[in-house]
Amino acid sequence: MSDPTVYSFKVDKEQLDRAKRFFAQQGVLLQDSLRDLIDVAADCEQCLELHEDDAPIGELQSAFTTLLANSKNTWHLNSVLQEAVLEIAKMTKMPMDVIVNVLSEARRIKPDTT
């Protein structure tokens, strides 16, 4: 790992505390999860750059192998969050078709990053 850089952003303190508690209940540290997510995103970008540069297939496969290895560290987060959303949905007695429609729509829409 190269020299670490401190990266910070503003979040609501109450939301941060809730997120930390949620991840702690899942046996995961929020800070580690964010680092792992950054690693995977950086690996994806590296693979895309290699592909755009027409890098040799061996180099692309090597980068992809690293991506797969780092993905193991974050893959469980998808199921943890999905399970939590569905469990909470059951608590609210929200009709399942509404939940499925909202989640399906969320997959199609890019988030507003402004």
N, C-alpha and C. Protein backbone atom coordinates (compact mmCIF):
# COMPACT_ATOMS: atom_id res chain seq x y z
N MET A 1 0.84 -1.17 0.00
CA MET A 1 0.00 0.00 0.00
C MET A 1 0.89 1.23 0.00
N SER A 2 0.54 2.19 -0.81
CA SER A 2 1.30 3.43 -0.84
C SER A 2 0.97 4.26 0.40
N ASP A 3 1.58 5.43 0.48
CA ASP A 3 1.33 6.29 1.63
C ASP A 3 -0.16 6.61 1.72
N PRO A 4 -0.76 6.35 2.88
CA PRO A 4 -2.20 6.62 3.01
C PRO A 4 -2.49 8.12 2.98
N THR A 5 -3.63 8.46 2.46
CA THR A 5 -4.11 9.83 2.40
C THR A 5 -5.37 9.92 3.24
N VAL A 6 -5.48 10.98 3.99
CA VAL A 6 -6.70 11.20 4.77
C VAL A 6 -7.73 11.82 3.85
N TYR A 7 -8.92 11.23 3.82
CA TYR A 7 -10.01 11.73 3.01
C TYR A 7 -11.20 11.90 3.94
N SER A 8 -11.75 13.08 3.97
CA SER A 8 -12.88 13.30 4.86
C SER A 8 -14.02 13.96 4.12
N PHE A 9 -15.20 13.77 4.64
CA PHE A 9 -16.38 14.42 4.09
C PHE A 9 -17.38 14.62 5.22
N LYS A 10 -18.24 15.57 5.03
CA LYS A 10 -19.20 15.92 6.06
C LYS A 10 -20.40 14.99 6.02
N VAL A 11 -20.77 14.52 7.20
CA VAL A 11 -21.98 13.73 7.35
C VAL A 11 -22.67 14.17 8.63
N ASP A 12 -23.94 13.96 8.68
CA ASP A 12 -24.70 14.26 9.88
C ASP A 12 -24.23 13.34 11.01
N LYS A 13 -23.89 13.90 12.15
CA LYS A 13 -23.33 13.12 13.26
C LYS A 13 -24.29 12.00 13.70
N GLU A 14 -25.56 12.31 13.78
CA GLU A 14 -26.53 11.30 14.19
C GLU A 14 -26.60 10.15 13.19
N GLN A 15 -26.56 10.48 11.90
CA GLN A 15 -26.57 9.45 10.86
C GLN A 15 -25.31 8.59 10.94
N LEU A 16 -24.19 9.24 11.16
CA LEU A 16 -22.92 8.51 11.29
C LEU A 16 -22.96 7.55 12.47
N ASP A 17 -23.46 8.03 13.60
CA ASP A 17 -23.56 7.16 14.78
C ASP A 17 -24.47 5.97 14.51
N ARG A 18 -25.57 6.21 13.83
CA ARG A 18 -26.48 5.11 13.50
C ARG A 18 -25.81 4.10 12.56
N ALA A 19 -25.11 4.63 11.57
CA ALA A 19 -24.43 3.74 10.63
C ALA A 19 -23.37 2.90 11.35
N LYS A 20 -22.62 3.53 12.25
CA LYS A 20 -21.61 2.77 13.01
C LYS A 20 -22.26 1.67 13.83
N ARG A 21 -23.38 1.99 14.48
CA ARG A 21 -24.07 0.97 15.28
C ARG A 21 -24.58 -0.17 14.40
N PHE A 22 -25.15 0.18 13.25
CA PHE A 22 -25.65 -0.85 12.33
C PHE A 22 -24.53 -1.79 11.91
N PHE A 23 -23.43 -1.21 11.44
CA PHE A 23 -22.32 -2.04 10.99
C PHE A 23 -21.72 -2.85 12.15
N ALA A 24 -21.66 -2.26 13.33
CA ALA A 24 -21.15 -2.99 14.49
C ALA A 24 -22.03 -4.20 14.80
N GLN A 25 -23.35 -4.05 14.66
CA GLN A 25 -24.26 -5.17 14.88
C GLN A 25 -24.03 -6.27 13.85
N GLN A 26 -23.54 -5.90 12.68
CA GLN A 26 -23.27 -6.87 11.64
C GLN A 26 -21.86 -7.45 11.76
N GLY A 27 -21.09 -6.96 12.74
CA GLY A 27 -19.73 -7.44 12.94
C GLY A 27 -18.74 -6.84 11.97
N VAL A 28 -19.05 -5.65 11.48
CA VAL A 28 -18.21 -4.98 10.49
C VAL A 28 -17.94 -3.56 10.96
N LEU A 29 -16.72 -3.09 10.76
CA LEU A 29 -16.42 -1.71 11.09
C LEU A 29 -16.74 -0.82 9.89
N LEU A 30 -17.42 0.27 10.13
CA LEU A 30 -17.79 1.19 9.06
C LEU A 30 -16.56 1.68 8.31
N GLN A 31 -15.54 2.07 9.04
CA GLN A 31 -14.32 2.61 8.41
C GLN A 31 -13.67 1.57 7.49
N ASP A 32 -13.59 0.33 7.94
CA ASP A 32 -13.02 -0.73 7.11
C ASP A 32 -13.87 -0.97 5.87
N SER A 33 -15.18 -0.91 6.02
CA SER A 33 -16.08 -1.11 4.89
C SER A 33 -15.90 -0.02 3.85
N LEU A 34 -15.75 1.21 4.29
CA LEU A 34 -15.53 2.31 3.36
C LEU A 34 -14.19 2.16 2.64
N ARG A 35 -13.17 1.75 3.36
CA ARG A 35 -11.86 1.52 2.72
C ARG A 35 -11.97 0.42 1.66
N ASP A 36 -12.65 -0.66 2.01
CA ASP A 36 -12.81 -1.78 1.08
C ASP A 36 -13.59 -1.34 -0.17
N LEU A 37 -14.61 -0.53 0.03
CA LEU A 37 -15.39 -0.02 -1.10
C LEU A 37 -14.52 0.83 -2.02
N ILE A 38 -13.67 1.66 -1.44
CA ILE A 38 -12.76 2.50 -2.24
C ILE A 38 -11.79 1.62 -3.01
N ASP A 39 -11.28 0.57 -2.38
CA ASP A 39 -10.37 -0.35 -3.07
C ASP A 39 -11.04 -0.97 -4.30
N VAL A 40 -12.27 -1.42 -4.13
CA VAL A 40 -12.98 -2.07 -5.24
C VAL A 40 -13.25 -1.07 -6.36
N ALA A 41 -13.69 0.13 -6.00
CA ALA A 41 -13.95 1.15 -7.03
C ALA A 41 -12.66 1.49 -7.79
N ALA A 42 -11.57 1.61 -7.07
CA ALA A 42 -10.28 1.92 -7.72
C ALA A 42 -9.85 0.77 -8.63
N ASP A 43 -10.07 -0.47 -8.19
CA ASP A 43 -9.74 -1.62 -9.03
C ASP A 43 -10.60 -1.67 -10.28
N CYS A 44 -11.88 -1.34 -10.16
CA CYS A 44 -12.76 -1.28 -11.33
C CYS A 44 -12.25 -0.24 -12.32
N GLU A 45 -11.89 0.92 -11.81
CA GLU A 45 -11.40 1.98 -12.69
C GLU A 45 -10.11 1.56 -13.38
N GLN A 46 -9.23 0.87 -12.65
CA GLN A 46 -7.99 0.42 -13.26
C GLN A 46 -8.27 -0.57 -14.40
N CYS A 47 -9.21 -1.49 -14.18
CA CYS A 47 -9.56 -2.44 -15.24
C CYS A 47 -10.13 -1.72 -16.46
N LEU A 48 -11.01 -0.75 -16.22
CA LEU A 48 -11.58 0.01 -17.33
C LEU A 48 -10.51 0.78 -18.10
N GLU A 49 -9.58 1.37 -17.38
CA GLU A 49 -8.49 2.11 -18.03
C GLU A 49 -7.63 1.18 -18.87
N LEU A 50 -7.30 0.00 -18.34
CA LEU A 50 -6.50 -0.96 -19.09
C LEU A 50 -7.23 -1.39 -20.35
N HIS A 51 -8.52 -1.61 -20.24
CA HIS A 51 -9.31 -2.01 -21.41
C HIS A 51 -9.32 -0.89 -22.45
N GLU A 52 -9.53 0.34 -22.01
CA GLU A 52 -9.54 1.48 -22.94
C GLU A 52 -8.18 1.68 -23.60
N ASP A 53 -7.11 1.34 -22.89
CA ASP A 53 -5.75 1.49 -23.44
C ASP A 53 -5.33 0.28 -24.26
N ASP A 54 -6.25 -0.66 -24.47
CA ASP A 54 -5.95 -1.89 -25.21
C ASP A 54 -4.74 -2.62 -24.63
N ALA A 55 -4.71 -2.71 -23.32
CA ALA A 55 -3.62 -3.41 -22.65
C ALA A 55 -3.67 -4.90 -23.01
N PRO A 56 -2.55 -5.57 -22.90
CA PRO A 56 -2.53 -7.01 -23.17
C PRO A 56 -3.52 -7.73 -22.25
N ILE A 57 -4.13 -8.79 -22.77
CA ILE A 57 -5.15 -9.51 -22.01
C ILE A 57 -4.61 -10.03 -20.68
N GLY A 58 -3.35 -10.42 -20.64
CA GLY A 58 -2.75 -10.90 -19.40
C GLY A 58 -2.72 -9.82 -18.33
N GLU A 59 -2.43 -8.60 -18.73
CA GLU A 59 -2.40 -7.48 -17.79
C GLU A 59 -3.82 -7.18 -17.29
N LEU A 60 -4.78 -7.22 -18.19
CA LEU A 60 -6.17 -6.99 -17.82
C LEU A 60 -6.67 -8.09 -16.87
N GLN A 61 -6.31 -9.33 -17.17
CA GLN A 61 -6.72 -10.43 -16.31
C GLN A 61 -6.07 -10.33 -14.94
N SER A 62 -4.83 -9.89 -14.88
CA SER A 62 -4.16 -9.71 -13.60
C SER A 62 -4.85 -8.65 -12.75
N ALA A 63 -5.21 -7.53 -13.39
CA ALA A 63 -5.92 -6.47 -12.68
C ALA A 63 -7.29 -6.95 -12.22
N PHE A 64 -7.94 -7.75 -13.06
CA PHE A 64 -9.26 -8.27 -12.71
C PHE A 64 -9.17 -9.25 -11.54
N THR A 65 -8.09 -10.02 -11.49
CA THR A 65 -7.89 -10.94 -10.37
C THR A 65 -7.78 -10.17 -9.06
N THR A 66 -7.08 -9.04 -9.10
CA THR A 66 -6.99 -8.19 -7.91
C THR A 66 -8.37 -7.65 -7.55
N LEU A 67 -9.12 -7.24 -8.56
CA LEU A 67 -10.49 -6.75 -8.32
C LEU A 67 -11.33 -7.83 -7.64
N LEU A 68 -11.26 -9.05 -8.13
CA LEU A 68 -12.03 -10.14 -7.53
C LEU A 68 -11.63 -10.38 -6.08
N ALA A 69 -10.33 -10.35 -5.83
CA ALA A 69 -9.84 -10.57 -4.46
C ALA A 69 -10.37 -9.48 -3.52
N ASN A 70 -10.32 -8.23 -3.96
CA ASN A 70 -10.80 -7.14 -3.12
C ASN A 70 -12.32 -7.14 -3.01
N SER A 71 -13.00 -7.67 -4.02
CA SER A 71 -14.46 -7.72 -3.98
C SER A 71 -14.96 -8.63 -2.87
N LYS A 72 -14.17 -9.65 -2.54
CA LYS A 72 -14.56 -10.55 -1.45
C LYS A 72 -14.79 -9.77 -0.17
N ASN A 73 -14.01 -8.70 0.03
CA ASN A 73 -14.12 -7.91 1.26
C ASN A 73 -15.39 -7.08 1.33
N THR A 74 -16.03 -6.83 0.18
CA THR A 74 -17.22 -5.98 0.19
C THR A 74 -18.50 -6.72 -0.21
N TRP A 75 -18.35 -7.88 -0.81
CA TRP A 75 -19.52 -8.57 -1.36
C TRP A 75 -20.59 -8.81 -0.29
N HIS A 76 -20.17 -9.17 0.90
CA HIS A 76 -21.14 -9.46 1.96
C HIS A 76 -21.96 -8.23 2.34
N LEU A 77 -21.43 -7.02 2.09
CA LEU A 77 -22.17 -5.81 2.44
C LEU A 77 -23.46 -5.71 1.65
N ASN A 78 -23.43 -6.14 0.39
CA ASN A 78 -24.65 -6.11 -0.43
C ASN A 78 -25.75 -6.94 0.22
N SER A 79 -25.42 -8.14 0.63
CA SER A 79 -26.45 -9.00 1.22
C SER A 79 -26.87 -8.49 2.60
N VAL A 80 -25.91 -7.96 3.36
CA VAL A 80 -26.25 -7.41 4.68
C VAL A 80 -27.26 -6.29 4.53
N LEU A 81 -27.01 -5.37 3.62
CA LEU A 81 -27.91 -4.24 3.42
C LEU A 81 -29.25 -4.68 2.83
N GLN A 82 -29.22 -5.58 1.86
CA GLN A 82 -30.46 -6.06 1.27
C GLN A 82 -31.32 -6.78 2.30
N GLU A 83 -30.69 -7.63 3.10
CA GLU A 83 -31.43 -8.34 4.14
C GLU A 83 -32.04 -7.37 5.14
N ALA A 84 -31.28 -6.35 5.52
CA ALA A 84 -31.78 -5.36 6.47
C ALA A 84 -32.97 -4.60 5.89
N VAL A 85 -32.86 -4.18 4.62
CA VAL A 85 -33.97 -3.45 3.98
C VAL A 85 -35.22 -4.33 3.94
N LEU A 86 -35.07 -5.57 3.55
CA LEU A 86 -36.23 -6.47 3.46
C LEU A 86 -36.81 -6.78 4.83
N GLU A 87 -35.96 -6.94 5.83
CA GLU A 87 -36.44 -7.19 7.18
C GLU A 87 -37.23 -5.99 7.71
N ILE A 88 -36.71 -4.81 7.46
CA ILE A 88 -37.40 -3.59 7.89
C ILE A 88 -38.71 -3.43 7.12
N ALA A 89 -38.70 -3.78 5.85
CA ALA A 89 -39.92 -3.71 5.04
C ALA A 89 -41.01 -4.59 5.64
N LYS A 90 -40.63 -5.78 6.09
CA LYS A 90 -41.61 -6.67 6.71
C LYS A 90 -42.17 -6.04 7.97
N MET A 91 -41.32 -5.38 8.75
CA MET A 91 -41.77 -4.72 9.98
C MET A 91 -42.80 -3.64 9.68
N THR A 92 -42.61 -2.95 8.56
CA THR A 92 -43.51 -1.85 8.21
C THR A 92 -44.79 -2.34 7.53
N LYS A 93 -44.81 -3.63 7.18
CA LYS A 93 -45.95 -4.24 6.49
C LYS A 93 -46.24 -3.56 5.16
N MET A 94 -45.17 -3.05 4.55
CA MET A 94 -45.26 -2.43 3.23
C MET A 94 -45.52 -3.55 2.22
N PRO A 95 -46.43 -3.35 1.26
CA PRO A 95 -46.68 -4.39 0.25
C PRO A 95 -45.40 -4.72 -0.52
N MET A 96 -45.14 -6.00 -0.70
CA MET A 96 -43.91 -6.45 -1.34
C MET A 96 -43.78 -5.91 -2.76
N ASP A 97 -44.88 -5.75 -3.49
CA ASP A 97 -44.77 -5.25 -4.85
C ASP A 97 -44.26 -3.80 -4.87
N VAL A 98 -44.62 -3.01 -3.87
CA VAL A 98 -44.12 -1.64 -3.78
C VAL A 98 -42.61 -1.66 -3.54
N ILE A 99 -42.17 -2.51 -2.65
CA ILE A 99 -40.74 -2.62 -2.32
C ILE A 99 -39.96 -3.05 -3.55
N VAL A 100 -40.43 -4.08 -4.22
CA VAL A 100 -39.75 -4.59 -5.41
C VAL A 100 -39.69 -3.51 -6.49
N ASN A 101 -40.78 -2.79 -6.68
CA ASN A 101 -40.80 -1.72 -7.69
C ASN A 101 -39.81 -0.61 -7.36
N VAL A 102 -39.77 -0.20 -6.11
CA VAL A 102 -38.85 0.87 -5.70
C VAL A 102 -37.40 0.42 -5.86
N LEU A 103 -37.09 -0.78 -5.41
CA LEU A 103 -35.72 -1.28 -5.51
C LEU A 103 -35.31 -1.50 -6.97
N SER A 104 -36.24 -1.97 -7.78
CA SER A 104 -35.94 -2.15 -9.20
C SER A 104 -35.68 -0.80 -9.86
N GLU A 105 -36.48 0.19 -9.54
CA GLU A 105 -36.29 1.52 -10.10
C GLU A 105 -34.96 2.12 -9.64
N ALA A 106 -34.60 1.86 -8.39
CA ALA A 106 -33.34 2.39 -7.86
C ALA A 106 -32.14 1.84 -8.63
N ARG A 107 -32.24 0.62 -9.11
CA ARG A 107 -31.14 0.04 -9.89
C ARG A 107 -30.99 0.69 -11.25
N ARG A 108 -32.08 1.22 -11.78
CA ARG A 108 -32.05 1.82 -13.11
C ARG A 108 -31.64 3.29 -13.09
N ILE A 109 -31.81 3.95 -11.96
CA ILE A 109 -31.58 5.39 -11.88
C ILE A 109 -30.19 5.64 -11.30
N LYS A 110 -29.42 6.49 -11.96
CA LYS A 110 -28.14 6.90 -11.42
C LYS A 110 -28.38 7.95 -10.34
N PRO A 111 -27.69 7.84 -9.21
CA PRO A 111 -27.90 8.83 -8.15
C PRO A 111 -27.39 10.19 -8.56
N ASP A 112 -28.05 11.21 -8.06
CA ASP A 112 -27.64 12.59 -8.30
C ASP A 112 -26.42 12.87 -7.42
N THR A 113 -25.30 13.20 -8.02
CA THR A 113 -24.07 13.42 -7.26
C THR A 113 -23.74 14.88 -7.08
N THR A 114 -24.70 15.76 -7.34
CA THR A 114 -24.43 17.19 -7.18
C THR A 114 -24.69 17.64 -5.77
